[in-house]
Amino acid sequence: MTDAAADPPEEVPAKSGKLPLILGLVLALVGAGAGFFAVSSGMLPLGGASHDAAEGQAGDSHGAAGESKDGDHGTGEDLSRIAFVPLDPIVVSLAQGGQLQHLQFRAQLEVEAARRQEVELILPRVIDVLNDYLRALEFSDLRDPMALARLRAQMLRRVQIVVGKDRVRDLLIMDFVLN
């Protein structure tokens, strides 16, 4: 019994501190940053950059013209390849709680210069599609801060279906006024 009392109690190993936790956190942040860079730069085929690059290499006419993945249509010599086709202004009525408001819309289509006459030939159909789409809108569709971007994308998609995706590159909204 005296031996048990004489023996010092076993020492519990001291906690090593927060060093492993901090080291793990720093390594996780570095790994996340490196992963983001690898995906966004196209080093890994998970992001949109490598997909767009693959489309450009597959003979996409827009990629060959020097267009970047962000929608930048190039500068300098590429400007001679594009043309703008103005659309007639469209005015539609929107009802809100018994009140009638008018939406004034004016836009231009960005097309390749060689395809301008083809697009101008189909312009009445384009106006009809846009007119139908804008008349179907409700006032609540316009309250969202991202409404214009969403509406623009929807209208461009409809125009490209009518005219042909290879004929219309973009829809540029010149006026979008609600009175």
N, C-alpha and C. Protein backbone atom coordinates (compact mmCIF):
# COMPACT_ATOMS: atom_id res chain seq x y z
N MET A 1 0.80 -1.15 0.00
CA MET A 1 0.00 0.00 0.00
C MET A 1 0.87 1.24 0.00
N THR A 2 1.93 1.16 0.68
CA THR A 2 2.83 2.29 0.67
C THR A 2 3.47 2.45 -0.69
N ASP A 3 3.63 1.34 -1.39
CA ASP A 3 4.19 1.46 -2.73
C ASP A 3 3.23 2.21 -3.65
N ALA A 4 1.94 1.97 -3.50
CA ALA A 4 0.96 2.63 -4.36
C ALA A 4 0.91 4.11 -4.07
N ALA A 5 1.10 4.46 -2.80
CA ALA A 5 1.03 5.88 -2.46
C ALA A 5 2.30 6.59 -2.86
N ALA A 6 3.40 5.85 -2.92
CA ALA A 6 4.67 6.47 -3.25
C ALA A 6 4.83 6.70 -4.74
N ASP A 7 4.15 5.87 -5.53
CA ASP A 7 4.28 6.05 -6.98
C ASP A 7 3.56 7.31 -7.40
N PRO A 8 4.22 8.11 -8.17
CA PRO A 8 3.54 9.31 -8.66
C PRO A 8 2.47 8.91 -9.68
N PRO A 9 1.38 9.65 -9.74
CA PRO A 9 0.34 9.30 -10.71
C PRO A 9 0.87 9.48 -12.14
N GLU A 10 0.34 8.64 -13.04
CA GLU A 10 0.78 8.72 -14.43
C GLU A 10 0.37 10.08 -15.01
N GLU A 11 1.27 10.64 -15.78
CA GLU A 11 0.98 11.94 -16.35
C GLU A 11 0.17 11.77 -17.64
N VAL A 12 -0.85 12.55 -17.75
CA VAL A 12 -1.67 12.56 -18.95
C VAL A 12 -0.93 13.43 -19.96
N PRO A 13 -0.77 12.92 -21.20
CA PRO A 13 -0.05 13.75 -22.17
C PRO A 13 -0.75 15.09 -22.37
N ALA A 14 0.02 16.12 -22.45
CA ALA A 14 -0.51 17.48 -22.62
C ALA A 14 -1.13 17.62 -24.00
N LYS A 15 -2.17 18.45 -24.13
CA LYS A 15 -2.80 18.69 -25.41
C LYS A 15 -1.79 19.42 -26.29
N SER A 16 -1.79 19.05 -27.55
CA SER A 16 -0.79 19.61 -28.44
C SER A 16 -1.15 21.01 -28.90
N GLY A 17 -2.27 21.53 -28.52
CA GLY A 17 -2.62 22.91 -28.88
C GLY A 17 -3.48 22.95 -30.13
N LYS A 18 -3.56 24.12 -30.69
CA LYS A 18 -4.41 24.34 -31.85
C LYS A 18 -3.63 24.29 -33.17
N LEU A 19 -2.37 23.94 -33.10
CA LEU A 19 -1.54 23.91 -34.30
C LEU A 19 -2.08 22.98 -35.37
N PRO A 20 -2.47 21.73 -35.08
CA PRO A 20 -3.00 20.87 -36.15
C PRO A 20 -4.30 21.41 -36.75
N LEU A 21 -5.13 22.01 -35.93
CA LEU A 21 -6.38 22.57 -36.43
C LEU A 21 -6.12 23.74 -37.39
N ILE A 22 -5.22 24.61 -37.00
CA ILE A 22 -4.88 25.76 -37.86
C ILE A 22 -4.20 25.30 -39.14
N LEU A 23 -3.30 24.33 -39.01
CA LEU A 23 -2.60 23.79 -40.18
C LEU A 23 -3.60 23.14 -41.14
N GLY A 24 -4.56 22.39 -40.61
CA GLY A 24 -5.58 21.76 -41.45
C GLY A 24 -6.45 22.78 -42.16
N LEU A 25 -6.81 23.84 -41.46
CA LEU A 25 -7.62 24.90 -42.05
C LEU A 25 -6.88 25.61 -43.17
N VAL A 26 -5.61 25.91 -42.96
CA VAL A 26 -4.81 26.58 -43.98
C VAL A 26 -4.66 25.69 -45.20
N LEU A 27 -4.39 24.40 -45.00
CA LEU A 27 -4.25 23.48 -46.13
C LEU A 27 -5.57 23.32 -46.88
N ALA A 28 -6.68 23.32 -46.17
CA ALA A 28 -7.98 23.22 -46.83
C ALA A 28 -8.25 24.44 -47.70
N LEU A 29 -7.92 25.63 -47.20
CA LEU A 29 -8.12 26.85 -47.99
C LEU A 29 -7.23 26.89 -49.22
N VAL A 30 -5.98 26.46 -49.06
CA VAL A 30 -5.06 26.42 -50.20
C VAL A 30 -5.55 25.41 -51.23
N GLY A 31 -6.02 24.26 -50.77
CA GLY A 31 -6.54 23.24 -51.69
C GLY A 31 -7.78 23.72 -52.42
N ALA A 32 -8.68 24.41 -51.71
CA ALA A 32 -9.88 24.93 -52.36
C ALA A 32 -9.52 25.98 -53.41
N GLY A 33 -8.58 26.85 -53.08
CA GLY A 33 -8.16 27.87 -54.04
C GLY A 33 -7.52 27.25 -55.27
N ALA A 34 -6.68 26.25 -55.06
CA ALA A 34 -6.02 25.58 -56.18
C ALA A 34 -7.05 24.84 -57.03
N GLY A 35 -8.02 24.22 -56.41
CA GLY A 35 -9.07 23.53 -57.16
C GLY A 35 -9.90 24.49 -57.98
N PHE A 36 -10.26 25.63 -57.39
CA PHE A 36 -11.01 26.64 -58.13
C PHE A 36 -10.21 27.13 -59.33
N PHE A 37 -8.93 27.41 -59.13
CA PHE A 37 -8.10 27.88 -60.23
C PHE A 37 -8.01 26.83 -61.33
N ALA A 38 -7.83 25.57 -60.94
CA ALA A 38 -7.69 24.50 -61.94
C ALA A 38 -8.96 24.34 -62.76
N VAL A 39 -10.12 24.44 -62.13
CA VAL A 39 -11.38 24.29 -62.86
C VAL A 39 -11.66 25.52 -63.72
N SER A 40 -11.47 26.71 -63.18
CA SER A 40 -11.80 27.91 -63.94
C SER A 40 -10.82 28.18 -65.08
N SER A 41 -9.60 27.72 -64.96
CA SER A 41 -8.64 27.94 -66.05
C SER A 41 -8.71 26.86 -67.11
N GLY A 42 -9.48 25.80 -66.85
CA GLY A 42 -9.64 24.76 -67.85
C GLY A 42 -8.67 23.61 -67.70
N MET A 43 -7.89 23.61 -66.64
CA MET A 43 -6.95 22.50 -66.43
C MET A 43 -7.70 21.20 -66.12
N LEU A 44 -8.85 21.31 -65.48
CA LEU A 44 -9.71 20.16 -65.22
C LEU A 44 -10.97 20.29 -66.06
N PRO A 45 -11.47 19.22 -66.64
CA PRO A 45 -12.64 19.32 -67.51
C PRO A 45 -13.96 19.36 -66.77
N LEU A 46 -14.01 20.05 -65.62
CA LEU A 46 -15.24 20.12 -64.85
C LEU A 46 -15.99 21.41 -65.07
N GLY A 47 -15.31 22.48 -65.43
CA GLY A 47 -15.94 23.79 -65.55
C GLY A 47 -16.37 24.07 -66.97
N GLY A 48 -16.94 25.26 -67.16
CA GLY A 48 -17.42 25.66 -68.47
C GLY A 48 -16.31 26.09 -69.41
N ALA A 49 -15.12 26.44 -68.89
CA ALA A 49 -14.05 26.94 -69.75
C ALA A 49 -13.58 25.87 -70.72
N SER A 50 -13.39 24.66 -70.25
CA SER A 50 -12.91 23.62 -71.14
C SER A 50 -13.99 23.21 -72.13
N HIS A 51 -15.27 23.27 -71.71
CA HIS A 51 -16.37 22.96 -72.60
C HIS A 51 -16.43 23.97 -73.73
N ASP A 52 -16.30 25.26 -73.41
CA ASP A 52 -16.30 26.29 -74.44
C ASP A 52 -15.10 26.15 -75.36
N ALA A 53 -13.95 25.79 -74.79
CA ALA A 53 -12.76 25.61 -75.62
C ALA A 53 -12.94 24.44 -76.56
N ALA A 54 -13.57 23.38 -76.08
CA ALA A 54 -13.81 22.23 -76.94
C ALA A 54 -14.77 22.58 -78.07
N GLU A 55 -15.78 23.41 -77.79
CA GLU A 55 -16.68 23.85 -78.84
C GLU A 55 -15.94 24.68 -79.87
N GLY A 56 -15.05 25.54 -79.42
CA GLY A 56 -14.28 26.38 -80.32
C GLY A 56 -13.38 25.56 -81.22
N GLN A 57 -12.81 24.48 -80.69
CA GLN A 57 -11.93 23.62 -81.48
C GLN A 57 -12.73 22.74 -82.42
N ALA A 58 -14.01 22.53 -82.12
CA ALA A 58 -14.83 21.67 -82.96
C ALA A 58 -15.31 22.39 -84.21
N GLY A 59 -14.91 23.65 -84.38
CA GLY A 59 -15.27 24.37 -85.59
C GLY A 59 -16.44 25.30 -85.41
N ASP A 60 -16.72 25.72 -84.21
CA ASP A 60 -17.80 26.67 -83.96
C ASP A 60 -17.44 27.98 -84.65
N SER A 61 -18.36 28.53 -85.41
CA SER A 61 -18.06 29.74 -86.17
C SER A 61 -17.77 30.93 -85.26
N HIS A 62 -18.38 30.96 -84.06
CA HIS A 62 -18.12 32.07 -83.16
C HIS A 62 -16.73 31.97 -82.57
N GLY A 63 -16.28 30.77 -82.23
CA GLY A 63 -14.96 30.59 -81.65
C GLY A 63 -13.88 30.93 -82.65
N ALA A 64 -14.12 30.62 -83.91
CA ALA A 64 -13.13 30.91 -84.93
C ALA A 64 -13.00 32.40 -85.18
N ALA A 65 -14.04 33.14 -84.87
CA ALA A 65 -14.02 34.58 -85.11
C ALA A 65 -13.34 35.34 -83.99
N GLY A 66 -12.84 34.65 -82.99
CA GLY A 66 -12.12 35.31 -81.92
C GLY A 66 -12.98 35.66 -80.73
N GLU A 67 -14.12 35.02 -80.60
CA GLU A 67 -15.02 35.32 -79.50
C GLU A 67 -14.56 34.56 -78.27
N SER A 68 -14.51 35.23 -77.14
CA SER A 68 -14.10 34.57 -75.91
C SER A 68 -15.30 33.94 -75.25
N LYS A 69 -15.07 33.17 -74.19
CA LYS A 69 -16.15 32.46 -73.52
C LYS A 69 -17.07 33.38 -72.76
N ASP A 70 -16.69 34.59 -72.48
CA ASP A 70 -17.51 35.52 -71.73
C ASP A 70 -18.46 36.30 -72.61
N GLY A 71 -18.50 36.01 -73.90
CA GLY A 71 -19.41 36.71 -74.78
C GLY A 71 -18.79 37.94 -75.42
N ASP A 72 -17.51 38.18 -75.20
CA ASP A 72 -16.82 39.29 -75.83
C ASP A 72 -16.64 38.93 -77.29
N HIS A 73 -17.19 39.73 -78.18
CA HIS A 73 -17.20 39.40 -79.59
C HIS A 73 -15.96 39.90 -80.32
N GLY A 74 -14.90 40.15 -79.60
CA GLY A 74 -13.66 40.54 -80.23
C GLY A 74 -13.62 42.02 -80.54
N THR A 75 -12.50 42.48 -81.03
CA THR A 75 -12.34 43.87 -81.37
C THR A 75 -11.58 43.98 -82.68
N GLY A 76 -11.43 45.19 -83.16
CA GLY A 76 -10.63 45.44 -84.34
C GLY A 76 -11.21 44.82 -85.59
N GLU A 77 -10.54 43.83 -86.13
CA GLU A 77 -10.94 43.26 -87.41
C GLU A 77 -12.27 42.52 -87.34
N ASP A 78 -12.68 42.06 -86.18
CA ASP A 78 -13.95 41.35 -86.06
C ASP A 78 -15.15 42.28 -86.23
N LEU A 79 -14.97 43.57 -86.03
CA LEU A 79 -16.08 44.50 -86.16
C LEU A 79 -16.62 44.57 -87.57
N SER A 80 -15.81 44.28 -88.55
CA SER A 80 -16.29 44.31 -89.92
C SER A 80 -17.16 43.10 -90.24
N ARG A 81 -17.12 42.08 -89.40
CA ARG A 81 -17.90 40.86 -89.63
C ARG A 81 -19.29 40.91 -89.02
N ILE A 82 -19.56 41.91 -88.19
CA ILE A 82 -20.87 41.95 -87.54
C ILE A 82 -21.70 43.10 -88.08
N ALA A 83 -23.01 42.92 -87.99
CA ALA A 83 -23.95 43.95 -88.41
C ALA A 83 -25.09 43.96 -87.39
N PHE A 84 -25.78 45.07 -87.33
CA PHE A 84 -26.90 45.21 -86.40
C PHE A 84 -28.16 45.47 -87.20
N VAL A 85 -29.18 44.70 -86.87
CA VAL A 85 -30.47 44.83 -87.54
C VAL A 85 -31.44 45.42 -86.53
N PRO A 86 -31.87 46.67 -86.74
CA PRO A 86 -32.81 47.28 -85.78
C PRO A 86 -34.20 46.68 -85.90
N LEU A 87 -34.83 46.51 -84.77
CA LEU A 87 -36.21 46.02 -84.73
C LEU A 87 -37.14 47.20 -84.53
N ASP A 88 -38.34 47.12 -85.09
CA ASP A 88 -39.33 48.17 -84.88
C ASP A 88 -39.68 48.21 -83.40
N PRO A 89 -39.93 49.40 -82.85
CA PRO A 89 -40.31 49.50 -81.44
C PRO A 89 -41.63 48.76 -81.18
N ILE A 90 -41.71 48.16 -80.00
CA ILE A 90 -42.91 47.43 -79.59
C ILE A 90 -43.43 48.08 -78.33
N VAL A 91 -44.73 48.34 -78.28
CA VAL A 91 -45.38 48.87 -77.09
C VAL A 91 -46.47 47.89 -76.69
N VAL A 92 -46.41 47.40 -75.45
CA VAL A 92 -47.42 46.47 -74.95
C VAL A 92 -48.02 47.02 -73.67
N SER A 93 -49.24 46.60 -73.38
CA SER A 93 -49.94 47.03 -72.17
C SER A 93 -49.81 45.96 -71.10
N LEU A 94 -49.50 46.38 -69.88
CA LEU A 94 -49.42 45.49 -68.73
C LEU A 94 -50.42 45.98 -67.70
N ALA A 95 -51.22 45.07 -67.17
CA ALA A 95 -52.21 45.44 -66.16
C ALA A 95 -51.66 45.16 -64.77
N GLN A 96 -51.86 46.15 -63.89
CA GLN A 96 -51.44 45.99 -62.49
C GLN A 96 -52.52 46.56 -61.60
N GLY A 97 -53.24 45.67 -60.95
CA GLY A 97 -54.27 46.10 -60.01
C GLY A 97 -55.27 47.07 -60.59
N GLY A 98 -55.74 46.83 -61.78
CA GLY A 98 -56.72 47.71 -62.39
C GLY A 98 -56.11 48.85 -63.17
N GLN A 99 -54.83 49.14 -62.98
CA GLN A 99 -54.17 50.20 -63.73
C GLN A 99 -53.50 49.59 -64.96
N LEU A 100 -53.47 50.37 -66.00
CA LEU A 100 -52.85 49.93 -67.24
C LEU A 100 -51.54 50.69 -67.42
N GLN A 101 -50.45 49.95 -67.57
CA GLN A 101 -49.15 50.58 -67.83
C GLN A 101 -48.64 50.06 -69.17
N HIS A 102 -47.78 50.85 -69.79
CA HIS A 102 -47.26 50.49 -71.10
C HIS A 102 -45.76 50.20 -71.00
N LEU A 103 -45.36 49.16 -71.67
CA LEU A 103 -43.96 48.79 -71.77
C LEU A 103 -43.48 49.12 -73.17
N GLN A 104 -42.50 50.01 -73.25
CA GLN A 104 -41.91 50.37 -74.54
C GLN A 104 -40.61 49.59 -74.69
N PHE A 105 -40.49 48.86 -75.79
CA PHE A 105 -39.35 48.00 -76.02
C PHE A 105 -38.78 48.27 -77.40
N ARG A 106 -37.48 48.44 -77.44
CA ARG A 106 -36.76 48.62 -78.71
C ARG A 106 -35.47 47.87 -78.62
N ALA A 107 -35.10 47.13 -79.67
CA ALA A 107 -33.90 46.30 -79.63
C ALA A 107 -33.25 46.23 -81.01
N GLN A 108 -32.06 45.66 -81.02
CA GLN A 108 -31.35 45.37 -82.26
C GLN A 108 -30.79 43.97 -82.18
N LEU A 109 -30.71 43.32 -83.32
CA LEU A 109 -30.14 41.98 -83.39
C LEU A 109 -28.71 42.08 -83.90
N GLU A 110 -27.80 41.43 -83.21
CA GLU A 110 -26.42 41.36 -83.69
C GLU A 110 -26.29 40.11 -84.54
N VAL A 111 -25.91 40.31 -85.80
CA VAL A 111 -25.81 39.21 -86.74
C VAL A 111 -24.46 39.29 -87.46
N GLU A 112 -24.09 38.21 -88.11
CA GLU A 112 -22.91 38.26 -88.96
C GLU A 112 -23.28 39.07 -90.21
N ALA A 113 -22.35 39.87 -90.68
CA ALA A 113 -22.64 40.76 -91.81
C ALA A 113 -23.12 39.98 -93.04
N ALA A 114 -22.59 38.80 -93.25
CA ALA A 114 -22.97 38.00 -94.41
C ALA A 114 -24.41 37.49 -94.31
N ARG A 115 -24.95 37.43 -93.12
CA ARG A 115 -26.30 36.89 -92.90
C ARG A 115 -27.35 37.98 -92.67
N ARG A 116 -26.98 39.22 -92.81
CA ARG A 116 -27.89 40.33 -92.51
C ARG A 116 -29.16 40.27 -93.35
N GLN A 117 -29.04 40.04 -94.65
CA GLN A 117 -30.22 40.02 -95.51
C GLN A 117 -31.14 38.86 -95.17
N GLU A 118 -30.59 37.72 -94.78
CA GLU A 118 -31.40 36.58 -94.39
C GLU A 118 -32.24 36.93 -93.16
N VAL A 119 -31.62 37.61 -92.20
CA VAL A 119 -32.33 37.97 -90.97
C VAL A 119 -33.39 39.03 -91.27
N GLU A 120 -33.07 40.01 -92.10
CA GLU A 120 -34.04 41.05 -92.44
C GLU A 120 -35.26 40.47 -93.16
N LEU A 121 -35.07 39.38 -93.89
CA LEU A 121 -36.16 38.73 -94.59
C LEU A 121 -37.16 38.12 -93.60
N ILE A 122 -36.68 37.64 -92.46
CA ILE A 122 -37.52 36.96 -91.47
C ILE A 122 -37.94 37.91 -90.35
N LEU A 123 -37.64 39.18 -90.47
CA LEU A 123 -37.92 40.16 -89.41
C LEU A 123 -39.38 40.22 -88.96
N PRO A 124 -40.36 40.10 -89.85
CA PRO A 124 -41.76 40.10 -89.35
C PRO A 124 -42.05 38.96 -88.36
N ARG A 125 -41.46 37.81 -88.57
CA ARG A 125 -41.63 36.70 -87.62
C ARG A 125 -40.96 37.01 -86.29
N VAL A 126 -39.81 37.65 -86.34
CA VAL A 126 -39.10 38.01 -85.11
C VAL A 126 -39.94 38.98 -84.29
N ILE A 127 -40.49 40.00 -84.95
CA ILE A 127 -41.33 40.97 -84.26
C ILE A 127 -42.56 40.27 -83.66
N ASP A 128 -43.14 39.34 -84.40
CA ASP A 128 -44.31 38.62 -83.91
C ASP A 128 -43.98 37.80 -82.66
N VAL A 129 -42.87 37.11 -82.67
CA VAL A 129 -42.48 36.29 -81.52
C VAL A 129 -42.21 37.17 -80.31
N LEU A 130 -41.49 38.27 -80.49
CA LEU A 130 -41.20 39.17 -79.38
C LEU A 130 -42.48 39.84 -78.86
N ASN A 131 -43.35 40.21 -79.77
CA ASN A 131 -44.61 40.83 -79.38
C ASN A 131 -45.45 39.86 -78.54
N ASP A 132 -45.56 38.62 -78.98
CA ASP A 132 -46.30 37.61 -78.22
C ASP A 132 -45.68 37.38 -76.84
N TYR A 133 -44.36 37.31 -76.78
CA TYR A 133 -43.69 37.07 -75.50
C TYR A 133 -43.90 38.24 -74.53
N LEU A 134 -43.73 39.46 -75.04
CA LEU A 134 -43.88 40.63 -74.17
C LEU A 134 -45.32 40.82 -73.71
N ARG A 135 -46.29 40.48 -74.55
CA ARG A 135 -47.69 40.61 -74.15
C ARG A 135 -48.08 39.57 -73.11
N ALA A 136 -47.37 38.46 -73.04
CA ALA A 136 -47.66 37.42 -72.05
C ALA A 136 -47.06 37.74 -70.68
N LEU A 137 -46.21 38.76 -70.61
CA LEU A 137 -45.61 39.12 -69.33
C LEU A 137 -46.64 39.71 -68.39
N GLU A 138 -46.38 39.51 -67.12
CA GLU A 138 -47.18 40.16 -66.09
C GLU A 138 -46.29 41.18 -65.39
N PHE A 139 -46.93 42.12 -64.74
CA PHE A 139 -46.17 43.18 -64.07
C PHE A 139 -45.24 42.59 -63.01
N SER A 140 -45.66 41.51 -62.36
CA SER A 140 -44.83 40.88 -61.33
C SER A 140 -43.55 40.29 -61.90
N ASP A 141 -43.53 39.98 -63.20
CA ASP A 141 -42.32 39.44 -63.84
C ASP A 141 -41.21 40.47 -63.91
N LEU A 142 -41.55 41.75 -63.79
CA LEU A 142 -40.58 42.82 -63.95
C LEU A 142 -40.02 43.35 -62.64
N ARG A 143 -40.50 42.85 -61.51
CA ARG A 143 -40.07 43.37 -60.21
C ARG A 143 -38.70 42.88 -59.80
N ASP A 144 -38.32 41.71 -60.22
CA ASP A 144 -37.04 41.13 -59.84
C ASP A 144 -35.89 41.96 -60.43
N PRO A 145 -34.82 42.22 -59.65
CA PRO A 145 -33.69 42.99 -60.18
C PRO A 145 -33.02 42.31 -61.38
N MET A 146 -33.10 41.00 -61.47
CA MET A 146 -32.49 40.27 -62.59
C MET A 146 -33.49 40.02 -63.72
N ALA A 147 -34.63 40.68 -63.66
CA ALA A 147 -35.70 40.43 -64.64
C ALA A 147 -35.24 40.74 -66.06
N LEU A 148 -34.54 41.85 -66.26
CA LEU A 148 -34.14 42.23 -67.61
C LEU A 148 -33.19 41.21 -68.21
N ALA A 149 -32.25 40.71 -67.42
CA ALA A 149 -31.33 39.70 -67.93
C ALA A 149 -32.07 38.42 -68.30
N ARG A 150 -33.01 38.02 -67.46
CA ARG A 150 -33.78 36.81 -67.72
C ARG A 150 -34.66 36.99 -68.96
N LEU A 151 -35.32 38.14 -69.06
CA LEU A 151 -36.17 38.42 -70.22
C LEU A 151 -35.35 38.47 -71.51
N ARG A 152 -34.20 39.08 -71.44
CA ARG A 152 -33.31 39.18 -72.61
C ARG A 152 -32.91 37.79 -73.09
N ALA A 153 -32.54 36.92 -72.15
CA ALA A 153 -32.15 35.56 -72.51
C ALA A 153 -33.32 34.79 -73.14
N GLN A 154 -34.51 34.97 -72.58
CA GLN A 154 -35.69 34.30 -73.13
C GLN A 154 -36.01 34.81 -74.54
N MET A 155 -35.92 36.12 -74.72
CA MET A 155 -36.21 36.68 -76.04
C MET A 155 -35.16 36.24 -77.07
N LEU A 156 -33.88 36.23 -76.67
CA LEU A 156 -32.83 35.79 -77.60
C LEU A 156 -33.06 34.34 -78.00
N ARG A 157 -33.42 33.51 -77.04
CA ARG A 157 -33.68 32.09 -77.36
C ARG A 157 -34.82 31.96 -78.37
N ARG A 158 -35.88 32.71 -78.18
CA ARG A 158 -37.02 32.65 -79.10
C ARG A 158 -36.63 33.16 -80.49
N VAL A 159 -35.86 34.23 -80.54
CA VAL A 159 -35.43 34.77 -81.83
C VAL A 159 -34.54 33.76 -82.55
N GLN A 160 -33.64 33.12 -81.81
CA GLN A 160 -32.75 32.14 -82.42
C GLN A 160 -33.51 30.92 -82.92
N ILE A 161 -34.60 30.57 -82.27
CA ILE A 161 -35.42 29.46 -82.75
C ILE A 161 -36.09 29.83 -84.07
N VAL A 162 -36.59 31.05 -84.17
CA VAL A 162 -37.28 31.49 -85.38
C VAL A 162 -36.30 31.71 -86.53
N VAL A 163 -35.21 32.41 -86.26
CA VAL A 163 -34.28 32.81 -87.32
C VAL A 163 -33.22 31.75 -87.59
N GLY A 164 -32.80 31.08 -86.55
CA GLY A 164 -31.71 30.12 -86.65
C GLY A 164 -30.57 30.55 -85.75
N LYS A 165 -30.09 29.63 -84.95
CA LYS A 165 -29.07 29.97 -83.95
C LYS A 165 -27.79 30.51 -84.59
N ASP A 166 -27.46 30.01 -85.77
CA ASP A 166 -26.23 30.45 -86.42
C ASP A 166 -26.37 31.81 -87.10
N ARG A 167 -27.59 32.35 -87.18
CA ARG A 167 -27.79 33.64 -87.83
C ARG A 167 -27.77 34.81 -86.87
N VAL A 168 -28.26 34.62 -85.64
CA VAL A 168 -28.34 35.72 -84.67
C VAL A 168 -27.38 35.43 -83.54
N ARG A 169 -26.47 36.38 -83.29
CA ARG A 169 -25.48 36.21 -82.23
C ARG A 169 -25.96 36.74 -80.89
N ASP A 170 -26.72 37.85 -80.92
CA ASP A 170 -27.12 38.48 -79.66
C ASP A 170 -28.33 39.38 -79.89
N LEU A 171 -29.01 39.66 -78.80
CA LEU A 171 -30.12 40.60 -78.80
C LEU A 171 -29.72 41.75 -77.89
N LEU A 172 -29.67 42.95 -78.45
CA LEU A 172 -29.26 44.12 -77.70
C LEU A 172 -30.50 44.97 -77.40
N ILE A 173 -30.78 45.17 -76.13
CA ILE A 173 -31.95 45.95 -75.74
C ILE A 173 -31.56 47.42 -75.70
N MET A 174 -32.24 48.21 -76.50
CA MET A 174 -31.94 49.64 -76.58
C MET A 174 -32.84 50.44 -75.63
N ASP A 175 -34.13 50.08 -75.57
CA ASP A 175 -35.07 50.74 -74.66
C ASP A 175 -35.93 49.66 -74.00
N PHE A 176 -36.14 49.82 -72.71
CA PHE A 176 -37.03 48.95 -71.95
C PHE A 176 -37.64 49.83 -70.88
N VAL A 177 -38.71 50.55 -71.25
CA VAL A 177 -39.26 51.58 -70.38
C VAL A 177 -40.70 51.21 -70.02
N LEU A 178 -41.00 51.28 -68.73
CA LEU A 178 -42.34 51.01 -68.24
C LEU A 178 -42.97 52.33 -67.81
N ASN A 179 -44.06 52.75 -68.47
CA ASN A 179 -44.76 54.01 -68.14
C ASN A 179 -46.05 53.68 -67.44
